[in-house]
Amino acid sequence: MTQEEKEAEKEALRKKIEKFLQILGEGNRIETACVISGLSYLELCKLRKVPEFDHQVRQAQVLKERMILDSLTRAAIEGNTDAARWILERKSEEYMSMKDRRNMKLAEERWRMEKKIIKAELEADPHRVAANSPKRIAPVEDEPLEMEDIGTSGEGEEG
């Protein structure tokens, strides 16, 4: 390969990198930026080992994230409740999304039902349940099931 060809190849790679960082900085995924810029996966892997390039990639991603968050913050301040909800849901665990709350409620309900089934099976045949259900843990005598968790009236057990 001649010096001119090497220089041309180097310039082509520089242009790909520039385009890649521009596309990435617009908020696109790395895969998308590779396809649009013409940067191959192998080229990207080699370049990511160069600290300066890796820093530029991360900087492009963070700057776009910051711009989007600033935009959402302005929208929330101006009264956009969806933007405000989005920010709060991600800022703190105490502000869970509705989907998260529904999923948690369903998981809790499934757990309560499972406890009821285990309790009924234990009452019917405690030895079979303990022997055949390794995932199910039978309550030990000093740790009875809590009555509110299994939804019974509380007869015969302390709660």
C-alpha atoms as a PDB file:
ATOM      1  CA  MET A   1       0.000   0.000   0.000  1.00  0.00           C
ATOM      2  CA  THR A   2       1.406   3.365  -0.957  1.00  0.00           C
ATOM      3  CA  GLN A   3       1.665   6.331   1.368  1.00  0.00           C
ATOM      4  CA  GLU A   4      -1.140   8.073  -0.536  1.00  0.00           C
ATOM      5  CA  GLU A   5      -3.430   5.081  -0.110  1.00  0.00           C
ATOM      6  CA  LYS A   6      -2.655   4.942   3.604  1.00  0.00           C
ATOM      7  CA  GLU A   7      -3.413   8.653   3.937  1.00  0.00           C
ATOM      8  CA  ALA A   8      -6.666   8.229   1.989  1.00  0.00           C
ATOM      9  CA  GLU A   9      -7.672   5.301   4.216  1.00  0.00           C
ATOM     10  CA  LYS A  10      -6.810   7.298   7.324  1.00  0.00           C
ATOM     11  CA  GLU A  11      -8.874  10.272   6.086  1.00  0.00           C
ATOM     12  CA  ALA A  12     -11.831   7.975   5.291  1.00  0.00           C
ATOM     13  CA  LEU A  13     -11.685   6.561   8.826  1.00  0.00           C
ATOM     14  CA  ARG A  14     -11.478  10.070  10.298  1.00  0.00           C
ATOM     15  CA  LYS A  15     -14.640  11.033   8.369  1.00  0.00           C
ATOM     16  CA  LYS A  16     -16.423   7.884   9.554  1.00  0.00           C
ATOM     17  CA  ILE A  17     -15.464   8.685  13.153  1.00  0.00           C
ATOM     18  CA  GLU A  18     -16.641  12.278  12.808  1.00  0.00           C
ATOM     19  CA  LYS A  19     -19.971  11.143  11.336  1.00  0.00           C
ATOM     20  CA  PHE A  20     -20.299   8.415  13.986  1.00  0.00           C
ATOM     21  CA  LEU A  21     -19.840  10.900  16.849  1.00  0.00           C
ATOM     22  CA  GLN A  22     -22.285  13.340  15.226  1.00  0.00           C
ATOM     23  CA  ILE A  23     -24.978  10.660  14.836  1.00  0.00           C
ATOM     24  CA  LEU A  24     -24.350   9.396  18.366  1.00  0.00           C
ATOM     25  CA  GLY A  25     -24.550  12.942  19.712  1.00  0.00           C
ATOM     26  CA  GLU A  26     -28.002  13.286  18.148  1.00  0.00           C
ATOM     27  CA  GLY A  27     -29.235  10.650  20.545  1.00  0.00           C
ATOM     28  CA  ASN A  28     -28.975   7.564  18.338  1.00  0.00           C
ATOM     29  CA  ARG A  29     -27.828   4.176  19.551  1.00  0.00           C
ATOM     30  CA  ILE A  30     -24.251   3.052  18.891  1.00  0.00           C
ATOM     31  CA  GLU A  31     -25.473   0.438  16.390  1.00  0.00           C
ATOM     32  CA  THR A  32     -27.410   3.074  14.473  1.00  0.00           C
ATOM     33  CA  ALA A  33     -24.442   5.449  14.442  1.00  0.00           C
ATOM     34  CA  CYS A  34     -22.232   2.657  13.074  1.00  0.00           C
ATOM     35  CA  VAL A  35     -24.621   1.842  10.250  1.00  0.00           C
ATOM     36  CA  ILE A  36     -25.160   5.462   9.220  1.00  0.00           C
ATOM     37  CA  SER A  37     -21.485   6.428   9.467  1.00  0.00           C
ATOM     38  CA  GLY A  38     -20.204   3.288   7.772  1.00  0.00           C
ATOM     39  CA  LEU A  39     -18.020   2.428  10.768  1.00  0.00           C
ATOM     40  CA  SER A  40     -17.745  -1.342  11.068  1.00  0.00           C
ATOM     41  CA  TYR A  41     -18.130  -3.176  14.341  1.00  0.00           C
ATOM     42  CA  LEU A  42     -14.489  -4.287  14.133  1.00  0.00           C
ATOM     43  CA  GLU A  43     -13.348  -0.679  13.606  1.00  0.00           C
ATOM     44  CA  LEU A  44     -15.479   0.431  16.545  1.00  0.00           C
ATOM     45  CA  CYS A  45     -14.024  -2.262  18.824  1.00  0.00           C
ATOM     46  CA  LYS A  46     -10.483  -1.225  17.920  1.00  0.00           C
ATOM     47  CA  LEU A  47     -11.298   2.471  18.398  1.00  0.00           C
ATOM     48  CA  ARG A  48     -12.963   1.908  21.796  1.00  0.00           C
ATOM     49  CA  LYS A  49      -9.566   0.778  23.081  1.00  0.00           C
ATOM     50  CA  VAL A  50      -8.240   4.282  22.398  1.00  0.00           C
ATOM     51  CA  PRO A  51      -9.009   6.295  25.563  1.00  0.00           C
ATOM     52  CA  GLU A  52      -9.538   9.576  23.687  1.00  0.00           C
ATOM     53  CA  PHE A  53     -12.103   8.018  21.338  1.00  0.00           C
ATOM     54  CA  ASP A  54     -13.872   6.201  24.163  1.00  0.00           C
ATOM     55  CA  HIS A  55     -14.089   9.517  26.037  1.00  0.00           C
ATOM     56  CA  GLN A  56     -15.570  11.217  22.949  1.00  0.00           C
ATOM     57  CA  VAL A  57     -18.195   8.465  22.635  1.00  0.00           C
ATOM     58  CA  ARG A  58     -19.220   8.784  26.280  1.00  0.00           C
ATOM     59  CA  GLN A  59     -19.227  12.575  26.063  1.00  0.00           C
ATOM     60  CA  ALA A  60     -21.510  12.500  23.002  1.00  0.00           C
ATOM     61  CA  GLN A  61     -23.924  10.193  24.830  1.00  0.00           C
ATOM     62  CA  VAL A  62     -23.923  12.195  28.069  1.00  0.00           C
ATOM     63  CA  LEU A  63     -24.357  15.568  26.367  1.00  0.00           C
ATOM     64  CA  LYS A  64     -27.415  14.362  24.472  1.00  0.00           C
ATOM     65  CA  GLU A  65     -28.875  12.815  27.628  1.00  0.00           C
ATOM     66  CA  ARG A  66     -28.321  16.129  29.399  1.00  0.00           C
ATOM     67  CA  MET A  67     -30.053  18.058  26.590  1.00  0.00           C
ATOM     68  CA  ILE A  68     -33.046  15.709  26.719  1.00  0.00           C
ATOM     69  CA  LEU A  69     -33.273  15.941  30.511  1.00  0.00           C
ATOM     70  CA  ASP A  70     -33.046  19.749  30.342  1.00  0.00           C
ATOM     71  CA  SER A  71     -35.861  19.763  27.799  1.00  0.00           C
ATOM     72  CA  LEU A  72     -38.003  17.513  29.990  1.00  0.00           C
ATOM     73  CA  THR A  73     -37.268  19.677  33.026  1.00  0.00           C
ATOM     74  CA  ARG A  74     -38.347  22.826  31.172  1.00  0.00           C
ATOM     75  CA  ALA A  75     -41.517  21.071  30.038  1.00  0.00           C
ATOM     76  CA  ALA A  76     -42.252  19.924  33.602  1.00  0.00           C
ATOM     77  CA  ILE A  77     -41.726  23.436  34.963  1.00  0.00           C
ATOM     78  CA  GLU A  78     -44.103  24.760  32.305  1.00  0.00           C
ATOM     79  CA  GLY A  79     -46.798  22.378  33.528  1.00  0.00           C
ATOM     80  CA  ASN A  80     -46.339  19.251  31.404  1.00  0.00           C
ATOM     81  CA  THR A  81     -47.390  16.592  33.895  1.00  0.00           C
ATOM     82  CA  ASP A  82     -46.152  13.709  31.734  1.00  0.00           C
ATOM     83  CA  ALA A  83     -42.648  15.193  31.706  1.00  0.00           C
ATOM     84  CA  ALA A  84     -42.805  15.794  35.464  1.00  0.00           C
ATOM     85  CA  ARG A  85     -44.002  12.239  36.100  1.00  0.00           C
ATOM     86  CA  TRP A  86     -41.236  10.806  33.882  1.00  0.00           C
ATOM     87  CA  ILE A  87     -38.563  12.721  35.791  1.00  0.00           C
ATOM     88  CA  LEU A  88     -39.936  11.800  39.208  1.00  0.00           C
ATOM     89  CA  GLU A  89     -40.345   8.122  38.320  1.00  0.00           C
ATOM     90  CA  ARG A  90     -36.686   7.887  37.427  1.00  0.00           C
ATOM     91  CA  LYS A  91     -35.305  10.236  40.068  1.00  0.00           C
ATOM     92  CA  SER A  92     -36.451   8.352  43.122  1.00  0.00           C
ATOM     93  CA  GLU A  93     -37.739   4.901  43.932  1.00  0.00           C
ATOM     94  CA  GLU A  94     -40.494   6.385  46.059  1.00  0.00           C
ATOM     95  CA  TYR A  95     -42.052   7.739  42.847  1.00  0.00           C
ATOM     96  CA  MET A  96     -42.765   4.492  41.056  1.00  0.00           C
ATOM     97  CA  SER A  97     -44.559   4.380  37.752  1.00  0.00           C
ATOM     98  CA  MET A  98     -48.110   3.087  37.610  1.00  0.00           C
ATOM     99  CA  LYS A  99     -46.866  -0.011  35.782  1.00  0.00           C
ATOM    100  CA  ASP A 100     -44.346  -0.663  38.573  1.00  0.00           C
ATOM    101  CA  ARG A 101     -47.069  -0.274  41.195  1.00  0.00           C
ATOM    102  CA  ARG A 102     -49.398  -2.641  39.312  1.00  0.00           C
ATOM    103  CA  ASN A 103     -46.620  -5.197  38.906  1.00  0.00           C
ATOM    104  CA  MET A 104     -45.734  -4.941  42.592  1.00  0.00           C
ATOM    105  CA  LYS A 105     -49.384  -5.329  43.582  1.00  0.00           C
ATOM    106  CA  LEU A 106     -49.742  -8.390  41.337  1.00  0.00           C
ATOM    107  CA  ALA A 107     -46.545  -9.915  42.762  1.00  0.00           C
ATOM    108  CA  GLU A 108     -47.773  -9.329  46.315  1.00  0.00           C
ATOM    109  CA  GLU A 109     -51.138 -10.894  45.483  1.00  0.00           C
ATOM    110  CA  ARG A 110     -49.448 -13.921  43.891  1.00  0.00           C
ATOM    111  CA  TRP A 111     -47.265 -14.288  47.004  1.00  0.00           C
ATOM    112  CA  ARG A 112     -50.327 -14.146  49.274  1.00  0.00           C
ATOM    113  CA  MET A 113     -52.069 -16.795  47.149  1.00  0.00           C
ATOM    114  CA  GLU A 114     -48.959 -18.983  47.233  1.00  0.00           C
ATOM    115  CA  LYS A 115     -48.859 -18.686  51.031  1.00  0.00           C
ATOM    116  CA  LYS A 116     -52.522 -19.701  51.222  1.00  0.00           C
ATOM    117  CA  ILE A 117     -51.856 -22.743  49.041  1.00  0.00           C
ATOM    118  CA  ILE A 118     -48.815 -23.729  51.083  1.00  0.00           C
ATOM    119  CA  LYS A 119     -50.755 -23.358  54.334  1.00  0.00           C
ATOM    120  CA  ALA A 120     -53.624 -25.476  52.997  1.00  0.00           C
ATOM    121  CA  GLU A 121     -51.206 -28.136  51.743  1.00  0.00           C
ATOM    122  CA  LEU A 122     -49.365 -28.128  55.053  1.00  0.00           C
ATOM    123  CA  GLU A 123     -52.587 -28.583  56.966  1.00  0.00           C
ATOM    124  CA  ALA A 124     -53.591 -31.438  54.656  1.00  0.00           C
ATOM    125  CA  ASP A 125     -50.229 -33.275  54.685  1.00  0.00           C
ATOM    126  CA  PRO A 126     -47.196 -31.456  56.128  1.00  0.00           C
ATOM    127  CA  HIS A 127     -44.735 -34.243  55.294  1.00  0.00           C
ATOM    128  CA  ARG A 128     -45.676 -34.447  51.597  1.00  0.00           C
ATOM    129  CA  VAL A 129     -45.349 -30.679  51.087  1.00  0.00           C
ATOM    130  CA  ALA A 130     -41.961 -30.474  52.774  1.00  0.00           C
ATOM    131  CA  ALA A 131     -40.640 -33.522  50.908  1.00  0.00           C
ATOM    132  CA  ASN A 132     -42.036 -32.745  47.445  1.00  0.00           C
ATOM    133  CA  SER A 133     -41.713 -28.969  47.240  1.00  0.00           C
ATOM    134  CA  PRO A 134     -38.108 -27.835  47.723  1.00  0.00           C
ATOM    135  CA  LYS A 135     -38.980 -24.277  46.685  1.00  0.00           C
ATOM    136  CA  ARG A 136     -41.638 -24.059  49.329  1.00  0.00           C
ATOM    137  CA  ILE A 137     -40.405 -23.503  52.827  1.00  0.00           C
ATOM    138  CA  ALA A 138     -42.629 -24.810  55.560  1.00  0.00           C
ATOM    139  CA  PRO A 139     -42.998 -22.440  58.483  1.00  0.00           C
ATOM    140  CA  VAL A 140     -41.075 -23.449  61.549  1.00  0.00           C
ATOM    141  CA  GLU A 141     -42.844 -23.515  64.875  1.00  0.00           C
ATOM    142  CA  ASP A 142     -41.283 -20.304  66.183  1.00  0.00           C
ATOM    143  CA  GLU A 143     -42.052 -18.407  62.927  1.00  0.00           C
ATOM    144  CA  PRO A 144     -45.771 -18.840  62.119  1.00  0.00           C
ATOM    145  CA  LEU A 145     -47.239 -17.354  58.972  1.00  0.00           C
ATOM    146  CA  GLU A 146     -48.661 -13.892  59.534  1.00  0.00           C
ATOM    147  CA  MET A 147     -52.432 -13.906  59.369  1.00  0.00           C
ATOM    148  CA  GLU A 148     -52.752 -10.795  57.200  1.00  0.00           C
ATOM    149  CA  ASP A 149     -50.458 -12.406  54.612  1.00  0.00           C
ATOM    150  CA  ILE A 150     -52.552 -15.532  54.263  1.00  0.00           C
ATOM    151  CA  GLY A 151     -55.913 -13.809  54.620  1.00  0.00           C
ATOM    152  CA  THR A 152     -57.411 -16.057  57.323  1.00  0.00           C
ATOM    153  CA  SER A 153     -59.390 -15.019  60.332  1.00  0.00           C
ATOM    154  CA  GLY A 154     -56.531 -15.723  62.703  1.00  0.00           C
ATOM    155  CA  GLU A 155     -58.155 -18.593  64.558  1.00  0.00           C
ATOM    156  CA  GLY A 156     -55.744 -20.828  66.389  1.00  0.00           C
ATOM    157  CA  GLU A 157     -52.597 -18.826  65.656  1.00  0.00           C
ATOM    158  CA  GLU A 158     -50.941 -15.855  67.225  1.00  0.00           C
ATOM    159  CA  GLY A 159     -50.352 -12.899  64.916  1.00  0.00           C
END
